[in-house]
Amino acid sequence: MFAKAILLAKLFGHISSLLLSYVCRSLSVQLSHLAYRLKLFSPPPSSAQEPLNIIIIGASFAGLFAARSIAQSLPPKSPYKVVVVEPHSHFHFTWVLPRFCVIRGQEHKAFIPYTHKFFGGNVRWIRDRVASVGRDKIRLQSDGREIPYWMLLIATGSGGPVDAENALPSRVGVDGRTEGLERLRAIQRRIEKAGRLVVVGGGAAGVELATDAKTAYPEKIVTLVHSREAVMHRFGPGLRNAALKGLTDLGVNVLVGERVVEEDAEAGFILLKSGMKIDCDYLVNCAGQRPSSGLLEELSPSSISETGHIRVKPTLQILDDMLPNIFACGDVADTGNANPNARAAFKQADIVVNNVLDVVNGKTPQRTYYPHWADGLIKLTLGLNQSISHVGDGKTELLFKAKDKEVDLGAAKAWKLLRAKPFEGEKVAAFGIDLDEAP
């Protein structure tokens, strides 16, 4: 009990330190802008004839918040221009996807409009994919246009299975909101229709989808198959046991240490490596994600790890001394996080922002990122009306059980965080224009 009290105190201390850091940086930015307006000092001189582009590839949690912070921190009339390249029409709130694969009528809340109000600074927005990255420019996929960069941040995250058709529930697998809604509704129909549902993967997505499905349709036979010896195997024994109990209490069949070696959709069964055959009307693959690091494979193959992540220095510059102006953060970066999540992405984005601003001001990047055990805090739903939150430092764990009342998992909070009005997705058009040129 004493150890848990100490851990709880450390957790609150860590959170307080982060909040203080963000407040201080925000205050520093505001004071700097006030000084510029009062002409107390001028922006650093630059001989550049063209804008110096700070390009950010990817606008999920890490890229989006890095873009906003850099744009808001740059002095007025500076030669630097923040450019975001993102293929999605809307922000995909991936945390709710397992729930919305099961429950009808909520799926529109997973697609949050990108808004001008969020950035509060000059940002050029390009809705496209990057086809390739060179030493000083990127090439767009749609028309082959090349855009030079002065600094580059790769925040492309991770993807679901190689087959984009079956990316849910980890990722949507398409860029447009309309297509994404249809994919979610299609999987809802298939889960509702299936009398015998098999979920492959015992990480958070698999556990949440399986328990949601069994809660919503208690008459179904739901089986979860996991290749490791315990569900939620990346976490401590407290969460592993709680997740298993949550599954079995609901009546989900749990098979660990097993793999699916064959699926016969027509005959309606799957075959496991042990030789066991399980009746199956529909299989949902929740197993694993791959970092989306392919853009660097040609330019800097040594920067790609065996797991497909981008190797980075503590400053989050890529591990290639020939390319000091390229950073990576979020799920795509090899930062040592055992449980990559939005919380860690925010922290890494903040490190990148400070280091980019150091370079803008003629300094060497100084801020460093090291994973902290508190970054692994997770809230795991175990059915439609209960959840368990977990944090641990490798020696001690804290578990907090809760009753959940919001079937949409509090999606409105995410909308408000991105300065979008819940839930006006039907009315807000995604922008394919330069944000700084918008009214």
Protein backbone atom coordinates (compact mmCIF):
# COMPACT_ATOMS: atom_id res chain seq x y z
CA MET A 1 0.00 0.00 0.00
CA PHE A 2 2.87 2.37 0.84
CA ALA A 3 4.48 1.70 -2.54
CA LYS A 4 1.21 2.54 -4.32
CA ALA A 5 0.89 5.79 -2.38
CA ILE A 6 4.41 6.75 -3.45
CA LEU A 7 3.63 5.87 -7.07
CA LEU A 8 0.46 7.95 -6.97
CA ALA A 9 2.37 10.92 -5.58
CA LYS A 10 4.98 10.56 -8.32
CA LEU A 11 2.25 10.42 -10.94
CA PHE A 12 0.66 13.66 -9.74
CA GLY A 13 4.08 15.27 -9.53
CA HIS A 14 4.87 14.27 -13.12
CA ILE A 15 1.54 15.60 -14.40
CA SER A 16 2.01 18.87 -12.52
CA SER A 17 5.49 19.27 -13.98
CA LEU A 18 4.14 18.78 -17.52
CA LEU A 19 1.34 21.28 -17.00
CA LEU A 20 3.77 23.84 -15.61
CA SER A 21 6.09 23.34 -18.58
CA TYR A 22 3.25 23.88 -21.08
CA VAL A 23 2.01 26.97 -19.23
CA CYS A 24 5.51 28.48 -19.13
CA ARG A 25 6.07 27.91 -22.86
CA SER A 26 2.66 29.35 -23.70
CA LEU A 27 3.42 32.42 -21.58
CA SER A 28 6.84 32.75 -23.23
CA VAL A 29 5.25 32.70 -26.70
CA GLN A 30 2.70 35.34 -25.72
CA LEU A 31 5.39 37.61 -24.25
CA SER A 32 7.55 37.19 -27.35
CA HIS A 33 4.68 38.15 -29.63
CA LEU A 34 3.90 41.15 -27.47
CA ALA A 35 7.53 42.24 -27.68
CA TYR A 36 7.46 41.92 -31.47
CA ARG A 37 4.28 43.99 -31.65
CA LEU A 38 5.82 46.65 -29.41
CA LYS A 39 8.99 46.48 -31.53
CA LEU A 40 11.14 45.78 -28.50
CA PHE A 41 13.18 43.43 -30.67
CA SER A 42 13.07 42.07 -34.20
CA PRO A 43 12.83 38.53 -35.57
CA PRO A 44 16.18 36.88 -36.33
CA PRO A 45 17.51 38.16 -39.67
CA SER A 46 17.33 35.88 -42.68
CA SER A 47 18.82 36.11 -46.15
CA ALA A 48 16.20 33.75 -47.57
CA GLN A 49 14.41 35.00 -50.67
CA GLU A 50 11.73 32.33 -50.48
CA PRO A 51 9.80 31.12 -47.41
CA LEU A 52 11.71 28.59 -45.34
CA ASN A 53 9.25 25.72 -45.13
CA ILE A 54 8.87 23.72 -41.95
CA ILE A 55 7.00 20.74 -43.38
CA ILE A 56 5.05 18.34 -41.19
CA ILE A 57 3.96 15.07 -42.74
CA GLY A 58 0.94 13.68 -40.91
CA ALA A 59 -1.69 15.46 -38.83
CA SER A 60 -2.69 13.04 -36.14
CA PHE A 61 -1.92 13.84 -32.50
CA ALA A 62 1.83 14.44 -32.82
CA GLY A 63 1.90 16.26 -36.15
CA LEU A 64 -1.22 18.33 -35.57
CA PHE A 65 -0.14 19.73 -32.21
CA ALA A 66 3.43 20.29 -33.41
CA ALA A 67 2.11 22.28 -36.38
CA ARG A 68 -0.05 24.46 -34.17
CA SER A 69 2.66 25.13 -31.60
CA ILE A 70 5.29 26.03 -34.18
CA ALA A 71 2.89 28.27 -36.11
CA GLN A 72 1.83 30.09 -32.96
CA SER A 73 5.42 30.50 -31.78
CA LEU A 74 6.94 31.98 -34.94
CA PRO A 75 7.38 35.75 -34.86
CA PRO A 76 5.24 37.90 -37.16
CA LYS A 77 6.60 38.38 -40.68
CA SER A 78 9.20 35.69 -40.14
CA PRO A 79 10.55 33.92 -43.24
CA TYR A 80 9.41 30.55 -41.90
CA LYS A 81 6.26 28.85 -43.14
CA VAL A 82 4.55 25.84 -41.54
CA VAL A 83 3.27 23.40 -44.15
CA VAL A 84 1.16 20.36 -43.21
CA VAL A 85 0.67 17.48 -45.63
CA GLU A 86 -2.17 15.17 -44.59
CA PRO A 87 -4.33 12.88 -46.79
CA HIS A 88 -7.31 12.55 -44.43
CA SER A 89 -10.25 14.88 -44.85
CA HIS A 90 -10.88 14.77 -41.08
CA PHE A 91 -8.97 13.91 -37.94
CA HIS A 92 -9.51 10.21 -37.17
CA PHE A 93 -10.14 9.75 -33.45
CA THR A 94 -8.82 6.20 -33.36
CA TRP A 95 -9.43 5.56 -29.65
CA VAL A 96 -13.19 5.21 -30.28
CA LEU A 97 -12.94 2.95 -33.33
CA PRO A 98 -13.29 -0.43 -31.54
CA ARG A 99 -16.47 0.84 -29.82
CA PHE A 100 -17.90 2.35 -33.01
CA CYS A 101 -17.27 -0.89 -34.92
CA VAL A 102 -19.92 -2.43 -32.66
CA ILE A 103 -22.37 0.33 -31.69
CA ARG A 104 -24.52 1.96 -34.36
CA GLY A 105 -25.33 5.64 -34.64
CA GLN A 106 -22.09 6.97 -33.14
CA GLU A 107 -19.64 6.50 -36.01
CA HIS A 108 -19.79 10.12 -37.24
CA LYS A 109 -18.15 11.21 -33.98
CA ALA A 110 -14.88 9.49 -34.96
CA PHE A 111 -14.25 12.03 -37.74
CA ILE A 112 -13.38 15.45 -36.33
CA PRO A 113 -13.15 18.38 -38.75
CA TYR A 114 -9.82 20.16 -39.02
CA THR A 115 -10.61 23.82 -38.28
CA HIS A 116 -8.94 27.18 -38.87
CA LYS A 117 -9.67 28.09 -35.25
CA PHE A 118 -7.41 25.30 -33.95
CA PHE A 119 -4.16 26.63 -35.42
CA GLY A 120 -4.22 30.31 -34.54
CA GLY A 121 -1.21 30.89 -36.81
CA ASN A 122 -0.16 30.75 -40.42
CA VAL A 123 -0.36 27.19 -41.67
CA ARG A 124 -0.42 26.00 -45.24
CA TRP A 125 -2.56 22.87 -45.46
CA ILE A 126 -2.11 20.39 -48.31
CA ARG A 127 -4.48 17.45 -48.50
CA ASP A 128 -2.34 14.87 -50.23
CA ARG A 129 0.12 12.06 -49.63
CA VAL A 130 3.88 12.40 -49.84
CA ALA A 131 5.29 10.12 -52.52
CA SER A 132 8.95 10.58 -51.59
CA VAL A 133 11.33 12.54 -49.38
CA GLY A 134 14.59 13.96 -50.69
CA ARG A 135 17.44 15.76 -48.94
CA ASP A 136 15.79 19.14 -49.30
CA LYS A 137 12.35 18.59 -50.80
CA ILE A 138 9.29 16.36 -50.73
CA ARG A 139 7.28 15.17 -53.73
CA LEU A 140 3.49 14.98 -53.59
CA GLN A 141 1.68 11.88 -54.77
CA SER A 142 -1.25 13.45 -56.61
CA ASP A 143 0.58 15.62 -59.14
CA GLY A 144 4.29 15.04 -58.54
CA ARG A 145 4.75 18.61 -57.32
CA GLU A 146 7.93 19.20 -55.33
CA ILE A 147 8.02 21.39 -52.22
CA PRO A 148 11.35 22.40 -50.66
CA TYR A 149 11.81 22.16 -46.93
CA TRP A 150 14.12 23.79 -44.42
CA MET A 151 13.01 21.52 -41.57
CA LEU A 152 10.97 18.33 -41.82
CA LEU A 153 8.92 16.47 -39.23
CA ILE A 154 7.71 12.97 -40.04
CA ALA A 155 4.67 12.16 -37.91
CA THR A 156 3.05 9.50 -40.07
CA GLY A 157 2.07 7.23 -37.19
CA SER A 158 1.32 3.58 -37.70
CA GLY A 159 -1.10 1.63 -39.82
CA GLY A 160 -3.28 -1.42 -39.36
CA PRO A 161 -3.01 -4.63 -41.35
CA VAL A 162 -1.39 -4.44 -44.79
CA ASP A 163 -4.85 -5.04 -46.27
CA ALA A 164 -6.45 -1.59 -45.99
CA GLU A 165 -9.87 -3.14 -46.58
CA ASN A 166 -9.59 -4.74 -43.14
CA ALA A 167 -7.81 -1.94 -41.26
CA LEU A 168 -10.58 -1.53 -38.70
CA PRO A 169 -10.71 -1.41 -35.73
CA SER A 170 -7.14 -0.08 -35.41
CA ARG A 171 -7.35 2.33 -38.34
CA VAL A 172 -10.07 3.38 -40.80
CA GLY A 173 -8.07 2.52 -43.92
CA VAL A 174 -9.49 5.31 -46.13
CA ASP A 175 -8.95 9.07 -46.29
CA GLY A 176 -12.46 10.42 -46.84
CA ARG A 177 -15.10 10.74 -44.15
CA THR A 178 -17.92 9.34 -46.32
CA GLU A 179 -15.94 6.20 -47.15
CA GLY A 180 -14.87 5.88 -43.52
CA LEU A 181 -18.45 6.04 -42.28
CA GLU A 182 -19.47 3.34 -44.71
CA ARG A 183 -16.64 1.07 -43.54
CA LEU A 184 -17.66 1.46 -39.93
CA ARG A 185 -21.30 0.79 -40.77
CA ALA A 186 -20.34 -2.26 -42.82
CA ILE A 187 -18.41 -3.83 -39.94
CA GLN A 188 -21.29 -2.99 -37.58
CA ARG A 189 -23.66 -4.91 -39.84
CA ARG A 190 -21.34 -7.89 -40.09
CA ILE A 191 -20.80 -8.07 -36.32
CA GLU A 192 -24.54 -7.75 -35.69
CA LYS A 193 -25.27 -10.53 -38.19
CA ALA A 194 -22.58 -12.94 -36.95
CA GLY A 195 -23.71 -15.50 -34.42
CA ARG A 196 -20.13 -16.67 -33.89
CA LEU A 197 -17.61 -13.82 -33.76
CA VAL A 198 -13.84 -14.35 -33.58
CA VAL A 199 -11.55 -11.49 -32.54
CA VAL A 200 -7.84 -11.95 -33.26
CA GLY A 201 -5.47 -9.98 -31.04
CA GLY A 202 -5.46 -9.50 -27.28
CA GLY A 203 -4.21 -5.93 -27.11
CA ALA A 204 -6.45 -3.01 -26.20
CA ALA A 205 -8.38 -2.94 -29.50
CA GLY A 206 -9.14 -6.66 -29.39
CA VAL A 207 -10.15 -6.71 -25.73
CA GLU A 208 -12.37 -3.65 -26.14
CA LEU A 209 -14.09 -4.85 -29.29
CA ALA A 210 -14.70 -8.34 -27.89
CA THR A 211 -16.16 -7.06 -24.61
CA ASP A 212 -18.28 -4.44 -26.39
CA ALA A 213 -19.66 -7.05 -28.78
CA LYS A 214 -20.50 -9.46 -25.95
CA THR A 215 -22.18 -6.69 -23.94
CA ALA A 216 -24.21 -5.45 -26.91
CA TYR A 217 -25.09 -8.96 -28.12
CA PRO A 218 -24.93 -11.32 -25.14
CA GLU A 219 -26.41 -14.17 -27.18
CA LYS A 220 -23.40 -14.26 -29.50
CA ILE A 221 -20.52 -16.68 -29.13
CA VAL A 222 -17.48 -14.38 -28.96
CA THR A 223 -13.98 -15.86 -29.01
CA LEU A 224 -10.74 -13.92 -28.59
CA VAL A 225 -7.56 -15.52 -29.96
CA HIS A 226 -4.19 -14.12 -28.87
CA SER A 227 -0.72 -15.33 -29.83
CA ARG A 228 0.90 -14.40 -26.50
CA GLU A 229 0.41 -16.18 -23.19
CA ALA A 230 -1.68 -13.36 -21.71
CA VAL A 231 -3.97 -10.64 -23.01
CA MET A 232 -2.62 -7.07 -22.64
CA HIS A 233 0.84 -8.68 -22.44
CA ARG A 234 2.72 -5.35 -22.68
CA PHE A 235 1.42 -4.33 -19.27
CA GLY A 236 1.82 -5.50 -15.70
CA PRO A 237 0.11 -8.54 -14.18
CA GLY A 238 -2.55 -6.40 -12.53
CA LEU A 239 -3.97 -5.16 -15.83
CA ARG A 240 -3.46 -8.52 -17.54
CA ASN A 241 -5.50 -10.28 -14.87
CA ALA A 242 -8.17 -7.58 -14.78
CA ALA A 243 -8.58 -7.72 -18.56
CA LEU A 244 -8.87 -11.50 -18.54
CA LYS A 245 -11.43 -11.38 -15.74
CA GLY A 246 -13.43 -8.73 -17.60
CA LEU A 247 -13.51 -10.92 -20.69
CA THR A 248 -14.43 -14.17 -18.95
CA ASP A 249 -17.02 -12.55 -16.66
CA LEU A 250 -18.89 -11.43 -19.77
CA GLY A 251 -18.65 -14.90 -21.29
CA VAL A 252 -15.98 -14.27 -23.93
CA ASN A 253 -13.98 -17.40 -24.77
CA VAL A 254 -10.27 -16.55 -24.47
CA LEU A 255 -7.60 -18.63 -26.21
CA VAL A 256 -4.01 -17.51 -25.56
CA GLY A 257 -0.80 -18.87 -27.08
CA GLU A 258 -2.69 -19.56 -30.30
CA ARG A 259 -2.56 -18.31 -33.88
CA VAL A 260 -5.00 -18.50 -36.74
CA VAL A 261 -3.38 -20.49 -39.56
CA GLU A 262 -6.41 -20.83 -41.83
CA GLU A 263 -9.74 -19.09 -42.31
CA ASP A 264 -12.47 -20.64 -44.44
CA ALA A 265 -15.18 -18.01 -44.68
CA GLU A 266 -17.42 -20.11 -46.89
CA ALA A 267 -17.30 -23.16 -44.63
CA GLY A 268 -17.54 -20.94 -41.56
CA PHE A 269 -14.53 -21.94 -39.48
CA ILE A 270 -10.97 -21.01 -38.57
CA LEU A 271 -8.08 -23.36 -37.86
CA LEU A 272 -5.58 -22.64 -35.07
CA LYS A 273 -1.92 -23.70 -34.95
CA SER A 274 -2.78 -26.28 -32.30
CA GLY A 275 -5.15 -27.97 -34.74
CA MET A 276 -8.28 -26.69 -32.99
CA LYS A 277 -11.12 -25.77 -35.33
CA ILE A 278 -13.51 -22.99 -34.29
CA ASP A 279 -16.82 -22.14 -35.90
CA CYS A 280 -16.71 -18.57 -37.18
CA ASP A 281 -19.23 -16.39 -39.01
CA TYR A 282 -17.02 -13.31 -38.97
CA LEU A 283 -13.39 -12.67 -37.99
CA VAL A 284 -12.11 -9.25 -36.89
CA ASN A 285 -8.35 -8.82 -37.02
CA CYS A 286 -7.07 -6.60 -34.21
CA ALA A 287 -3.52 -7.95 -34.30
CA GLY A 288 -0.69 -5.46 -34.50
CA GLN A 289 0.16 -2.30 -36.40
CA ARG A 290 3.15 -1.34 -38.49
CA PRO A 291 4.91 2.04 -38.29
CA SER A 292 4.46 4.06 -41.49
CA SER A 293 8.15 4.78 -42.06
CA GLY A 294 8.46 3.93 -45.76
CA LEU A 295 9.15 7.54 -46.78
CA LEU A 296 12.67 7.34 -45.31
CA GLU A 297 13.64 3.92 -46.63
CA GLU A 298 15.39 5.26 -49.73
CA LEU A 299 16.83 8.50 -48.32
CA SER A 300 18.14 7.06 -45.04
CA PRO A 301 17.79 3.26 -44.87
CA SER A 302 20.01 3.11 -41.79
CA SER A 303 17.40 5.15 -39.92
CA ILE A 304 14.83 2.35 -40.16
CA SER A 305 14.92 -0.19 -37.33
CA GLU A 306 14.20 -3.90 -37.56
CA THR A 307 10.67 -3.21 -36.35
CA GLY A 308 10.11 -0.60 -39.06
CA HIS A 309 10.32 2.40 -36.73
CA ILE A 310 12.42 5.48 -37.46
CA ARG A 311 15.50 5.55 -35.28
CA VAL A 312 15.83 8.88 -33.50
CA LYS A 313 18.23 10.69 -31.22
CA PRO A 314 17.01 11.95 -27.83
CA THR A 315 16.40 15.30 -29.56
CA LEU A 316 14.03 13.38 -31.89
CA GLN A 317 16.21 14.19 -34.89
CA ILE A 318 16.56 11.07 -37.00
CA LEU A 319 19.62 8.94 -36.33
CA ASP A 320 21.48 10.16 -39.41
CA ASP A 321 24.08 12.92 -38.91
CA MET A 322 23.80 13.84 -42.59
CA LEU A 323 20.16 14.87 -42.08
CA PRO A 324 20.03 16.98 -38.90
CA ASN A 325 16.99 18.91 -40.17
CA ILE A 326 14.68 15.87 -40.17
CA PHE A 327 12.74 14.97 -37.03
CA ALA A 328 10.32 12.13 -36.27
CA CYS A 329 7.87 11.69 -33.43
CA GLY A 330 4.72 9.79 -32.47
CA ASP A 331 4.05 6.13 -33.22
CA VAL A 332 6.45 6.06 -36.18
CA ALA A 333 9.48 6.95 -34.03
CA ASP A 334 11.59 4.45 -32.12
CA THR A 335 11.50 6.24 -28.76
CA GLY A 336 11.41 3.21 -26.47
CA ASN A 337 7.78 3.62 -25.47
CA ALA A 338 6.26 0.27 -24.56
CA ASN A 339 2.76 1.67 -25.04
CA PRO A 340 2.70 4.39 -27.73
CA ASN A 341 -0.32 6.65 -27.25
CA ALA A 342 -1.57 10.21 -27.66
CA ARG A 343 -0.06 11.28 -24.33
CA ALA A 344 3.43 10.28 -25.43
CA ALA A 345 2.83 11.84 -28.85
CA PHE A 346 1.99 15.20 -27.24
CA LYS A 347 5.18 15.13 -25.18
CA GLN A 348 7.32 14.25 -28.18
CA ALA A 349 5.68 16.94 -30.29
CA ASP A 350 6.54 19.47 -27.61
CA ILE A 351 10.20 18.39 -27.70
CA VAL A 352 10.29 18.77 -31.48
CA VAL A 353 8.63 22.19 -31.30
CA ASN A 354 11.20 23.50 -28.84
CA ASN A 355 14.10 22.11 -30.85
CA VAL A 356 12.81 23.54 -34.12
CA LEU A 357 12.40 26.93 -32.45
CA ASP A 358 15.94 26.65 -31.10
CA VAL A 359 17.20 26.26 -34.67
CA VAL A 360 15.01 29.15 -35.82
CA ASN A 361 16.76 31.29 -33.20
CA GLY A 362 20.22 30.14 -34.26
CA LYS A 363 20.73 27.65 -31.45
CA THR A 364 21.53 23.95 -31.32
CA PRO A 365 18.59 21.68 -30.38
CA GLN A 366 18.79 21.08 -26.64
CA ARG A 367 15.53 19.43 -25.56
CA THR A 368 15.57 15.65 -25.21
CA TYR A 369 12.87 13.03 -24.88
CA TYR A 370 13.10 9.91 -22.76
CA PRO A 371 10.06 7.71 -22.13
CA HIS A 372 8.55 8.00 -18.68
CA TRP A 373 6.52 5.25 -17.05
CA ALA A 374 3.59 7.66 -16.69
CA ASP A 375 3.37 7.90 -20.49
CA GLY A 376 1.98 4.36 -20.44
CA LEU A 377 -1.18 5.27 -18.51
CA ILE A 378 -4.11 3.59 -20.23
CA LYS A 379 -7.88 3.44 -19.88
CA LEU A 380 -9.24 0.08 -21.05
CA THR A 381 -12.96 -0.43 -21.55
CA LEU A 382 -14.35 -3.83 -20.56
CA GLY A 383 -17.80 -3.69 -22.09
CA LEU A 384 -20.17 -0.81 -22.67
CA ASN A 385 -20.46 0.35 -19.07
CA GLN A 386 -17.20 -0.32 -17.26
CA SER A 387 -13.52 0.41 -17.64
CA ILE A 388 -10.23 0.12 -15.82
CA SER A 389 -7.35 2.60 -15.87
CA HIS A 390 -3.80 1.42 -15.28
CA VAL A 391 -0.39 2.92 -14.69
CA GLY A 392 2.77 1.27 -13.45
CA ASP A 393 6.50 1.88 -13.12
CA GLY A 394 7.57 -1.73 -13.66
CA LYS A 395 7.49 -2.53 -9.96
CA THR A 396 4.18 -1.19 -8.69
CA GLU A 397 0.82 -0.85 -10.44
CA LEU A 398 -2.20 1.33 -9.87
CA LEU A 399 -5.62 0.20 -11.08
CA PHE A 400 -8.73 2.37 -11.07
CA LYS A 401 -12.08 0.79 -11.88
CA ALA A 402 -14.94 2.96 -13.15
CA LYS A 403 -18.50 2.81 -14.41
CA ASP A 404 -18.86 4.44 -17.82
CA LYS A 405 -22.01 6.32 -18.76
CA GLU A 406 -20.98 7.75 -22.14
CA VAL A 407 -21.39 5.23 -24.92
CA ASP A 408 -19.33 7.46 -27.23
CA LEU A 409 -16.43 7.45 -24.73
CA GLY A 410 -16.54 11.21 -24.28
CA ALA A 411 -15.88 11.98 -27.94
CA ALA A 412 -17.11 15.55 -27.46
CA LYS A 413 -14.01 16.31 -25.38
CA ALA A 414 -11.77 15.42 -28.33
CA TRP A 415 -13.84 17.62 -30.64
CA LYS A 416 -13.49 20.56 -28.27
CA LEU A 417 -9.75 19.93 -27.90
CA LEU A 418 -9.45 20.36 -31.67
CA ARG A 419 -11.65 23.47 -31.51
CA ALA A 420 -14.48 21.80 -33.44
CA LYS A 421 -18.11 22.10 -32.36
CA PRO A 422 -19.61 18.69 -31.44
CA PHE A 423 -20.98 17.16 -33.58
CA GLU A 424 -21.15 19.18 -36.77
CA GLY A 425 -19.29 16.83 -39.07
CA GLU A 426 -22.14 16.81 -41.56
CA LYS A 427 -21.98 20.59 -41.93
CA VAL A 428 -18.23 21.31 -41.85
CA ALA A 429 -16.38 20.83 -45.12
CA ALA A 430 -12.82 19.58 -44.91
CA PHE A 431 -10.42 22.14 -46.26
CA GLY A 432 -8.15 21.67 -49.23
CA ILE A 433 -6.90 25.25 -49.07
CA ASP A 434 -4.14 27.19 -47.40
CA LEU A 435 -5.31 27.93 -43.88
CA ASP A 436 -3.48 31.23 -43.78
CA GLU A 437 -5.42 32.36 -46.85
CA ALA A 438 -8.78 31.42 -45.46
CA PRO A 439 -11.08 34.07 -44.05
